[in-house]
Amino acid sequence: MKQITLGSTGITVSQNAFGALPLQRTEMDEAVKILHHAYDGGMRFFDTARAYSDSEEKLGKAFEGMRDKIFIATKTMAKTPEEFRKQLETSLDLLKTDYVDIYQFHCVDRCFSPGDGTGMYECMLEAKAQGKIRHIGVTAHKIQVAMDCVESGLYETMQFPFSYLSSEKEFELVNKCREKNVGFIAMKGLAGGLITRSEAAMAFMTQFDNVLPIWGIQHDRELTEWLSYMDNTPEMNDEITEFIKLENEELSGEFCRGCGYCMPCPAGILINNCARMALMLRRAPSRFWLTEEMQAEMKKIENCLHCGQCMKKCPYELNTPQLLEKNYEDYKRVLAGKVTV
């Protein structure tokens, strides 16, 4: 199986890594079984976060006594040094370890640096000197913030959304990471569920020798699919290349990735599903999206306050109210039978 080295960290692991965000929706015993299966199948890199409810706890239970056999990356959304230290100690306790391989600032809207007045980067240096973290990383959703972090030379890893639907700017970020010897961790390799062919997603990733994809896994059947690619790795061929070309044509322009950072909505709108409903109806089995419950969720769009909170929080700077309205109109046409899916 292909090995990926994360820049200057020297961390070298098999080509598929485990994204543990979805595990917060899985019962403890089942989550532990899935994590053990991942390890047995060759996965060695596990990504979680303090913000993922009990995800860290599940990793801690699964890998207690195996700490030297895996690499763990976790994250903090702290905005003050006091909260940083508190979250780090909580993460170490739940993960049942005395160190984290990569500790990441989570979904930053700026590049923290020494002397910027926040004290945040100094916290990273302090934790590293204490041996509580081994490498300093960052995750971002805004491309310019990500570029600033990579250019700063302060971070050893960058975690950013990357898939075959990415724009030229994201490709530039990957190349910049290679140039600066910054490890690139690719999240949202399935574009928040819009990519439904894992073989194509995997083949795309194999083109980059400096990119480690973390696949969000909730069910064992999903894990089994990714593990099957460890030794029988799909490769880019004419058919997959043409498929990806058509996918990009269909999904060109602005669309909601479903990250949920715009939530909660003051009007109670389930934005991360409703703002991309038209795409989901066409790219996933529609029965779930047409239930009475989902119809009620979509109807909440009528009560949009146009307060702008979602737009301010959107990492992709989308006009979310406009997207909601467009998706609602399309949804009503589907319900009326004027559009087939």
Protein backbone atom coordinates (compact mmCIF):
# COMPACT_ATOMS: atom_id res chain seq x y z
CA MET A 1 0.00 0.00 0.00
CA LYS A 2 1.11 3.58 -0.68
CA GLN A 3 2.69 5.52 2.18
CA ILE A 4 2.27 9.26 2.75
CA THR A 5 4.68 11.44 4.76
CA LEU A 6 3.22 14.55 6.35
CA GLY A 7 5.82 17.17 5.49
CA SER A 8 8.41 18.03 8.12
CA THR A 9 6.63 16.00 10.84
CA GLY A 10 8.18 12.82 9.48
CA ILE A 11 4.89 11.03 10.21
CA THR A 12 4.54 8.35 7.56
CA VAL A 13 1.34 6.31 7.35
CA SER A 14 -0.70 4.29 4.88
CA GLN A 15 -2.58 6.23 2.23
CA ASN A 16 -6.00 6.19 3.92
CA ALA A 17 -6.64 7.80 7.29
CA PHE A 18 -9.62 7.76 9.63
CA GLY A 19 -11.79 10.84 10.15
CA ALA A 20 -13.57 10.34 13.47
CA LEU A 21 -16.13 13.16 13.34
CA PRO A 22 -19.00 10.81 12.32
CA LEU A 23 -18.19 8.43 15.21
CA GLN A 24 -20.01 10.80 17.56
CA ARG A 25 -23.19 9.41 16.00
CA THR A 26 -22.20 5.79 16.71
CA GLU A 27 -22.72 3.89 19.97
CA MET A 28 -19.58 3.37 22.05
CA ASP A 29 -19.19 -0.40 21.63
CA GLU A 30 -19.78 -0.24 17.89
CA ALA A 31 -17.36 2.69 17.54
CA VAL A 32 -14.65 0.73 19.34
CA LYS A 33 -15.21 -2.23 17.01
CA ILE A 34 -14.96 0.02 13.96
CA LEU A 35 -11.73 1.60 15.21
CA HIS A 36 -10.20 -1.82 15.89
CA HIS A 37 -11.23 -2.93 12.41
CA ALA A 38 -9.57 0.19 10.96
CA TYR A 39 -6.34 -0.62 12.77
CA ASP A 40 -6.44 -4.27 11.71
CA GLY A 41 -7.00 -3.11 8.14
CA GLY A 42 -3.88 -0.94 8.13
CA MET A 43 -5.08 2.51 9.15
CA ARG A 44 -2.68 4.24 11.53
CA PHE A 45 -3.72 7.91 11.47
CA PHE A 46 -6.84 8.99 13.35
CA ASP A 47 -8.21 12.54 13.31
CA THR A 48 -10.66 13.86 15.90
CA ALA A 49 -11.43 17.12 17.74
CA ARG A 50 -12.55 18.47 21.08
CA ALA A 51 -15.63 19.80 19.24
CA TYR A 52 -16.72 16.30 18.11
CA SER A 53 -18.61 15.52 21.35
CA ASP A 54 -17.49 12.03 22.49
CA SER A 55 -15.28 11.16 19.50
CA GLU A 56 -12.07 11.55 21.53
CA GLU A 57 -13.46 9.36 24.28
CA LYS A 58 -14.17 6.59 21.79
CA LEU A 59 -10.64 6.73 20.42
CA GLY A 60 -9.28 6.65 23.96
CA LYS A 61 -11.23 3.53 24.82
CA ALA A 62 -10.34 1.78 21.57
CA PHE A 63 -6.60 2.42 21.66
CA GLU A 64 -5.75 2.39 25.35
CA GLY A 65 -2.49 0.47 25.70
CA MET A 66 -1.73 0.86 21.98
CA ARG A 67 -0.59 4.47 21.97
CA ASP A 68 2.78 3.85 20.32
CA LYS A 69 1.14 2.00 17.43
CA ILE A 70 -0.98 4.86 16.06
CA PHE A 71 -0.90 8.59 15.34
CA ILE A 72 -3.59 10.84 16.79
CA ALA A 73 -4.48 14.34 15.62
CA THR A 74 -6.99 16.41 17.53
CA LYS A 75 -8.07 20.04 17.55
CA THR A 76 -9.05 23.00 19.68
CA MET A 77 -11.44 25.83 18.91
CA ALA A 78 -10.22 27.78 21.95
CA LYS A 79 -9.97 31.54 21.59
CA THR A 80 -8.05 32.26 24.80
CA PRO A 81 -4.92 30.72 26.36
CA GLU A 82 -6.95 29.62 29.39
CA GLU A 83 -9.44 27.75 27.24
CA PHE A 84 -6.60 26.31 25.13
CA ARG A 85 -4.95 24.72 28.16
CA LYS A 86 -8.26 23.45 29.50
CA GLN A 87 -9.25 21.84 26.19
CA LEU A 88 -5.84 20.24 25.72
CA GLU A 89 -5.98 18.64 29.17
CA THR A 90 -9.52 17.40 28.48
CA SER A 91 -8.42 15.89 25.17
CA LEU A 92 -5.43 14.14 26.73
CA ASP A 93 -7.65 12.74 29.48
CA LEU A 94 -10.32 11.44 27.10
CA LEU A 95 -7.78 10.04 24.65
CA LYS A 96 -6.03 8.29 27.56
CA THR A 97 -2.63 9.58 26.52
CA ASP A 98 -0.01 12.04 27.68
CA TYR A 99 0.69 13.46 24.22
CA VAL A 100 -0.98 14.23 20.91
CA ASP A 101 0.94 13.70 17.68
CA ILE A 102 -0.59 16.73 15.94
CA TYR A 103 -2.52 19.43 17.78
CA GLN A 104 -4.45 21.73 15.48
CA PHE A 105 -6.12 25.09 15.74
CA HIS A 106 -9.62 24.22 14.53
CA CYS A 107 -11.32 26.12 11.67
CA VAL A 108 -9.36 29.32 12.16
CA ASP A 109 -10.34 32.66 10.67
CA ARG A 110 -6.83 34.08 11.08
CA CYS A 111 -3.23 32.93 11.20
CA PHE A 112 -2.17 32.81 14.84
CA SER A 113 1.47 33.80 15.24
CA PRO A 114 3.89 34.69 18.04
CA GLY A 115 3.45 38.21 19.32
CA ASP A 116 0.03 38.77 17.72
CA GLY A 117 -1.46 39.66 21.09
CA THR A 118 -3.65 36.57 21.46
CA GLY A 119 -1.10 34.34 23.16
CA MET A 120 -2.51 31.37 21.22
CA TYR A 121 0.57 30.36 19.26
CA GLU A 122 2.63 30.73 22.43
CA CYS A 123 0.30 28.12 23.97
CA MET A 124 1.24 25.71 21.21
CA LEU A 125 4.94 26.27 21.83
CA GLU A 126 4.43 25.82 25.56
CA ALA A 127 2.54 22.55 25.07
CA LYS A 128 5.21 21.30 22.68
CA ALA A 129 7.99 22.15 25.14
CA GLN A 130 6.08 20.22 27.81
CA GLY A 131 5.85 17.18 25.54
CA LYS A 132 2.05 17.29 25.44
CA ILE A 133 2.00 17.80 21.68
CA ARG A 134 4.57 16.79 19.10
CA HIS A 135 3.58 18.84 16.06
CA ILE A 136 1.65 22.07 15.50
CA GLY A 137 -1.09 22.03 12.89
CA VAL A 138 -4.06 24.06 11.76
CA THR A 139 -7.36 23.48 9.97
CA ALA A 140 -9.10 26.07 7.83
CA HIS A 141 -11.97 26.46 5.39
CA LYS A 142 -11.10 29.87 3.96
CA ILE A 143 -8.46 29.63 1.27
CA GLN A 144 -6.65 32.88 2.03
CA VAL A 145 -6.39 32.05 5.72
CA ALA A 146 -4.98 28.66 4.78
CA MET A 147 -2.44 30.26 2.43
CA ASP A 148 -1.40 32.71 5.14
CA CYS A 149 -0.82 29.87 7.60
CA VAL A 150 1.27 27.88 5.13
CA GLU A 151 3.29 30.92 4.07
CA SER A 152 3.98 31.80 7.71
CA GLY A 153 6.21 28.75 8.22
CA LEU A 154 4.68 28.31 11.68
CA TYR A 155 2.62 25.20 10.99
CA GLU A 156 3.73 21.67 10.24
CA THR A 157 0.40 20.50 8.85
CA MET A 158 -2.55 22.08 7.06
CA GLN A 159 -5.97 20.41 7.03
CA PHE A 160 -8.27 21.74 4.34
CA PRO A 161 -11.21 20.50 2.20
CA PHE A 162 -9.90 18.83 -0.93
CA SER A 163 -11.61 16.63 -3.50
CA TYR A 164 -11.96 16.30 -7.24
CA LEU A 165 -14.47 19.16 -7.03
CA SER A 166 -11.84 21.55 -5.68
CA SER A 167 -10.96 24.76 -7.50
CA GLU A 168 -7.59 25.85 -8.84
CA LYS A 169 -7.00 27.75 -5.60
CA GLU A 170 -7.14 24.52 -3.61
CA PHE A 171 -4.70 22.89 -6.02
CA GLU A 172 -2.40 25.86 -5.50
CA LEU A 173 -2.64 25.31 -1.73
CA VAL A 174 -1.59 21.68 -2.11
CA ASN A 175 1.38 22.73 -4.22
CA LYS A 176 2.31 25.46 -1.75
CA CYS A 177 2.31 22.88 1.05
CA ARG A 178 4.66 20.69 -0.96
CA GLU A 179 6.94 23.66 -1.60
CA LYS A 180 6.99 24.62 2.10
CA ASN A 181 7.23 20.99 3.30
CA VAL A 182 3.91 21.31 5.16
CA GLY A 183 1.91 18.10 5.49
CA PHE A 184 -1.48 18.35 3.77
CA ILE A 185 -4.40 16.55 5.41
CA ALA A 186 -7.40 16.40 3.08
CA MET A 187 -10.80 16.60 4.71
CA LYS A 188 -14.16 16.37 2.94
CA GLY A 189 -12.80 14.14 0.20
CA LEU A 190 -16.42 13.29 -0.64
CA ALA A 191 -17.44 16.98 -0.65
CA GLY A 192 -19.86 16.56 2.22
CA GLY A 193 -21.67 13.66 0.56
CA LEU A 194 -21.99 15.12 -2.94
CA ILE A 195 -19.39 12.69 -4.26
CA THR A 196 -20.97 9.25 -4.27
CA ARG A 197 -18.35 7.19 -6.09
CA SER A 198 -15.57 6.35 -3.66
CA GLU A 199 -13.45 4.66 -6.33
CA ALA A 200 -13.15 7.95 -8.22
CA ALA A 201 -12.46 9.90 -5.02
CA MET A 202 -9.67 7.50 -4.10
CA ALA A 203 -8.13 7.48 -7.57
CA PHE A 204 -8.05 11.28 -7.54
CA MET A 205 -6.22 11.39 -4.21
CA THR A 206 -3.53 8.96 -5.35
CA GLN A 207 -2.22 11.60 -7.76
CA PHE A 208 -0.78 13.59 -4.85
CA ASP A 209 2.19 12.20 -2.95
CA ASN A 210 1.90 14.85 -0.20
CA VAL A 211 -1.83 14.51 0.54
CA LEU A 212 -3.25 12.31 3.29
CA PRO A 213 -7.02 11.94 2.96
CA ILE A 214 -9.06 11.39 6.12
CA TRP A 215 -12.33 9.67 5.28
CA GLY A 216 -15.22 10.34 7.66
CA ILE A 217 -16.44 6.95 8.85
CA GLN A 218 -19.58 6.13 10.82
CA HIS A 219 -20.45 2.58 9.70
CA ASP A 220 -18.37 -0.54 9.28
CA ARG A 221 -19.56 -0.95 5.70
CA GLU A 222 -18.01 2.42 4.85
CA LEU A 223 -14.75 1.42 6.49
CA THR A 224 -14.65 -1.88 4.62
CA GLU A 225 -14.87 0.00 1.34
CA TRP A 226 -11.92 2.25 2.16
CA LEU A 227 -9.86 -0.63 3.50
CA SER A 228 -10.38 -2.50 0.24
CA TYR A 229 -8.44 0.30 -1.48
CA MET A 230 -5.35 -0.18 0.68
CA ASP A 231 -3.92 -2.92 -1.51
CA ASN A 232 -6.23 -2.67 -4.53
CA THR A 233 -5.94 1.05 -5.02
CA PRO A 234 -7.98 2.57 -7.87
CA GLU A 235 -5.92 4.52 -10.37
CA MET A 236 -6.83 7.35 -12.69
CA ASN A 237 -7.77 5.96 -16.08
CA ASP A 238 -9.65 7.32 -19.08
CA GLU A 239 -13.05 6.30 -17.71
CA ILE A 240 -12.54 7.86 -14.25
CA THR A 241 -10.97 10.96 -15.78
CA GLU A 242 -14.03 11.46 -17.99
CA PHE A 243 -16.35 10.78 -15.04
CA ILE A 244 -14.62 13.43 -12.91
CA LYS A 245 -14.79 15.89 -15.79
CA LEU A 246 -18.56 15.43 -16.02
CA GLU A 247 -18.90 15.73 -12.24
CA ASN A 248 -17.10 19.06 -12.29
CA GLU A 249 -19.32 20.32 -15.08
CA GLU A 250 -22.45 19.38 -13.12
CA LEU A 251 -21.23 20.85 -9.85
CA SER A 252 -19.55 23.97 -11.13
CA GLY A 253 -20.26 27.23 -9.35
CA GLU A 254 -21.18 27.90 -5.74
CA PHE A 255 -22.72 25.16 -3.64
CA CYS A 256 -23.08 24.34 0.04
CA ARG A 257 -20.57 21.74 1.29
CA GLY A 258 -22.71 20.90 4.33
CA CYS A 259 -19.99 21.70 6.88
CA GLY A 260 -22.51 23.16 9.35
CA TYR A 261 -20.37 26.04 10.58
CA CYS A 262 -23.29 28.38 9.80
CA MET A 263 -25.40 26.67 12.45
CA PRO A 264 -27.44 27.16 14.55
CA CYS A 265 -29.91 29.23 12.56
CA PRO A 266 -32.08 31.70 14.56
CA ALA A 267 -35.07 30.59 12.47
CA GLY A 268 -34.35 26.91 13.10
CA ILE A 269 -33.49 26.16 9.48
CA LEU A 270 -31.34 23.05 8.98
CA ILE A 271 -29.07 25.01 6.66
CA ASN A 272 -26.41 22.37 6.05
CA ASN A 273 -29.01 20.12 4.38
CA CYS A 274 -31.54 22.62 3.08
CA ALA A 275 -29.04 24.82 1.23
CA ARG A 276 -27.91 21.90 -0.94
CA MET A 277 -31.16 19.95 -1.21
CA ALA A 278 -31.39 20.22 -4.99
CA LEU A 279 -28.01 18.53 -5.37
CA MET A 280 -28.75 15.88 -2.76
CA LEU A 281 -32.01 14.93 -4.48
CA ARG A 282 -30.12 14.22 -7.67
CA ARG A 283 -27.05 12.55 -6.20
CA ALA A 284 -28.40 10.38 -3.38
CA PRO A 285 -31.49 8.19 -2.95
CA SER A 286 -34.34 10.70 -2.77
CA ARG A 287 -36.75 8.84 -0.49
CA PHE A 288 -35.16 10.19 2.69
CA TRP A 289 -35.14 13.77 1.43
CA LEU A 290 -38.84 13.68 0.55
CA THR A 291 -40.22 12.51 3.90
CA GLU A 292 -42.77 14.59 5.81
CA GLU A 293 -40.03 15.47 8.30
CA MET A 294 -37.76 16.86 5.58
CA GLN A 295 -40.65 18.69 3.95
CA ALA A 296 -41.26 20.39 7.29
CA GLU A 297 -37.56 21.28 7.52
CA MET A 298 -37.58 22.79 4.04
CA LYS A 299 -40.75 24.78 4.78
CA LYS A 300 -38.84 26.60 7.56
CA ILE A 301 -37.01 28.45 4.79
CA GLU A 302 -40.17 30.55 4.44
CA ASN A 303 -39.35 31.97 7.88
CA CYS A 304 -35.80 33.04 7.02
CA LEU A 305 -35.01 36.24 8.92
CA HIS A 306 -32.38 37.39 6.40
CA CYS A 307 -30.28 38.31 9.43
CA GLY A 308 -27.04 37.50 7.65
CA GLN A 309 -25.59 35.42 10.48
CA CYS A 310 -25.12 32.37 8.23
CA MET A 311 -23.30 34.44 5.62
CA LYS A 312 -20.90 35.84 8.19
CA LYS A 313 -20.08 32.34 9.49
CA CYS A 314 -19.87 30.56 6.14
CA PRO A 315 -16.23 29.54 5.48
CA TYR A 316 -16.93 29.64 1.74
CA GLU A 317 -18.51 33.12 1.89
CA LEU A 318 -21.69 31.90 0.19
CA ASN A 319 -24.92 33.87 -0.12
CA THR A 320 -26.71 31.32 2.02
CA PRO A 321 -30.21 32.92 2.09
CA GLN A 322 -30.17 33.02 -1.70
CA LEU A 323 -29.08 29.37 -1.88
CA LEU A 324 -31.86 28.41 0.53
CA GLU A 325 -34.49 30.15 -1.58
CA LYS A 326 -33.25 28.54 -4.81
CA ASN A 327 -33.19 25.08 -3.24
CA TYR A 328 -36.66 25.54 -1.77
CA GLU A 329 -38.15 26.49 -5.13
CA ASP A 330 -36.50 23.45 -6.74
CA TYR A 331 -37.70 21.23 -3.90
CA LYS A 332 -41.30 22.37 -4.38
CA ARG A 333 -41.08 21.57 -8.08
CA VAL A 334 -39.92 18.05 -7.23
CA LEU A 335 -42.78 17.57 -4.79
CA ALA A 336 -45.25 18.80 -7.38
CA GLY A 337 -43.91 16.27 -9.88
CA LYS A 338 -42.68 18.95 -12.24
CA VAL A 339 -39.11 17.72 -11.87
CA THR A 340 -38.07 14.08 -11.67
CA VAL A 341 -35.11 12.79 -9.67
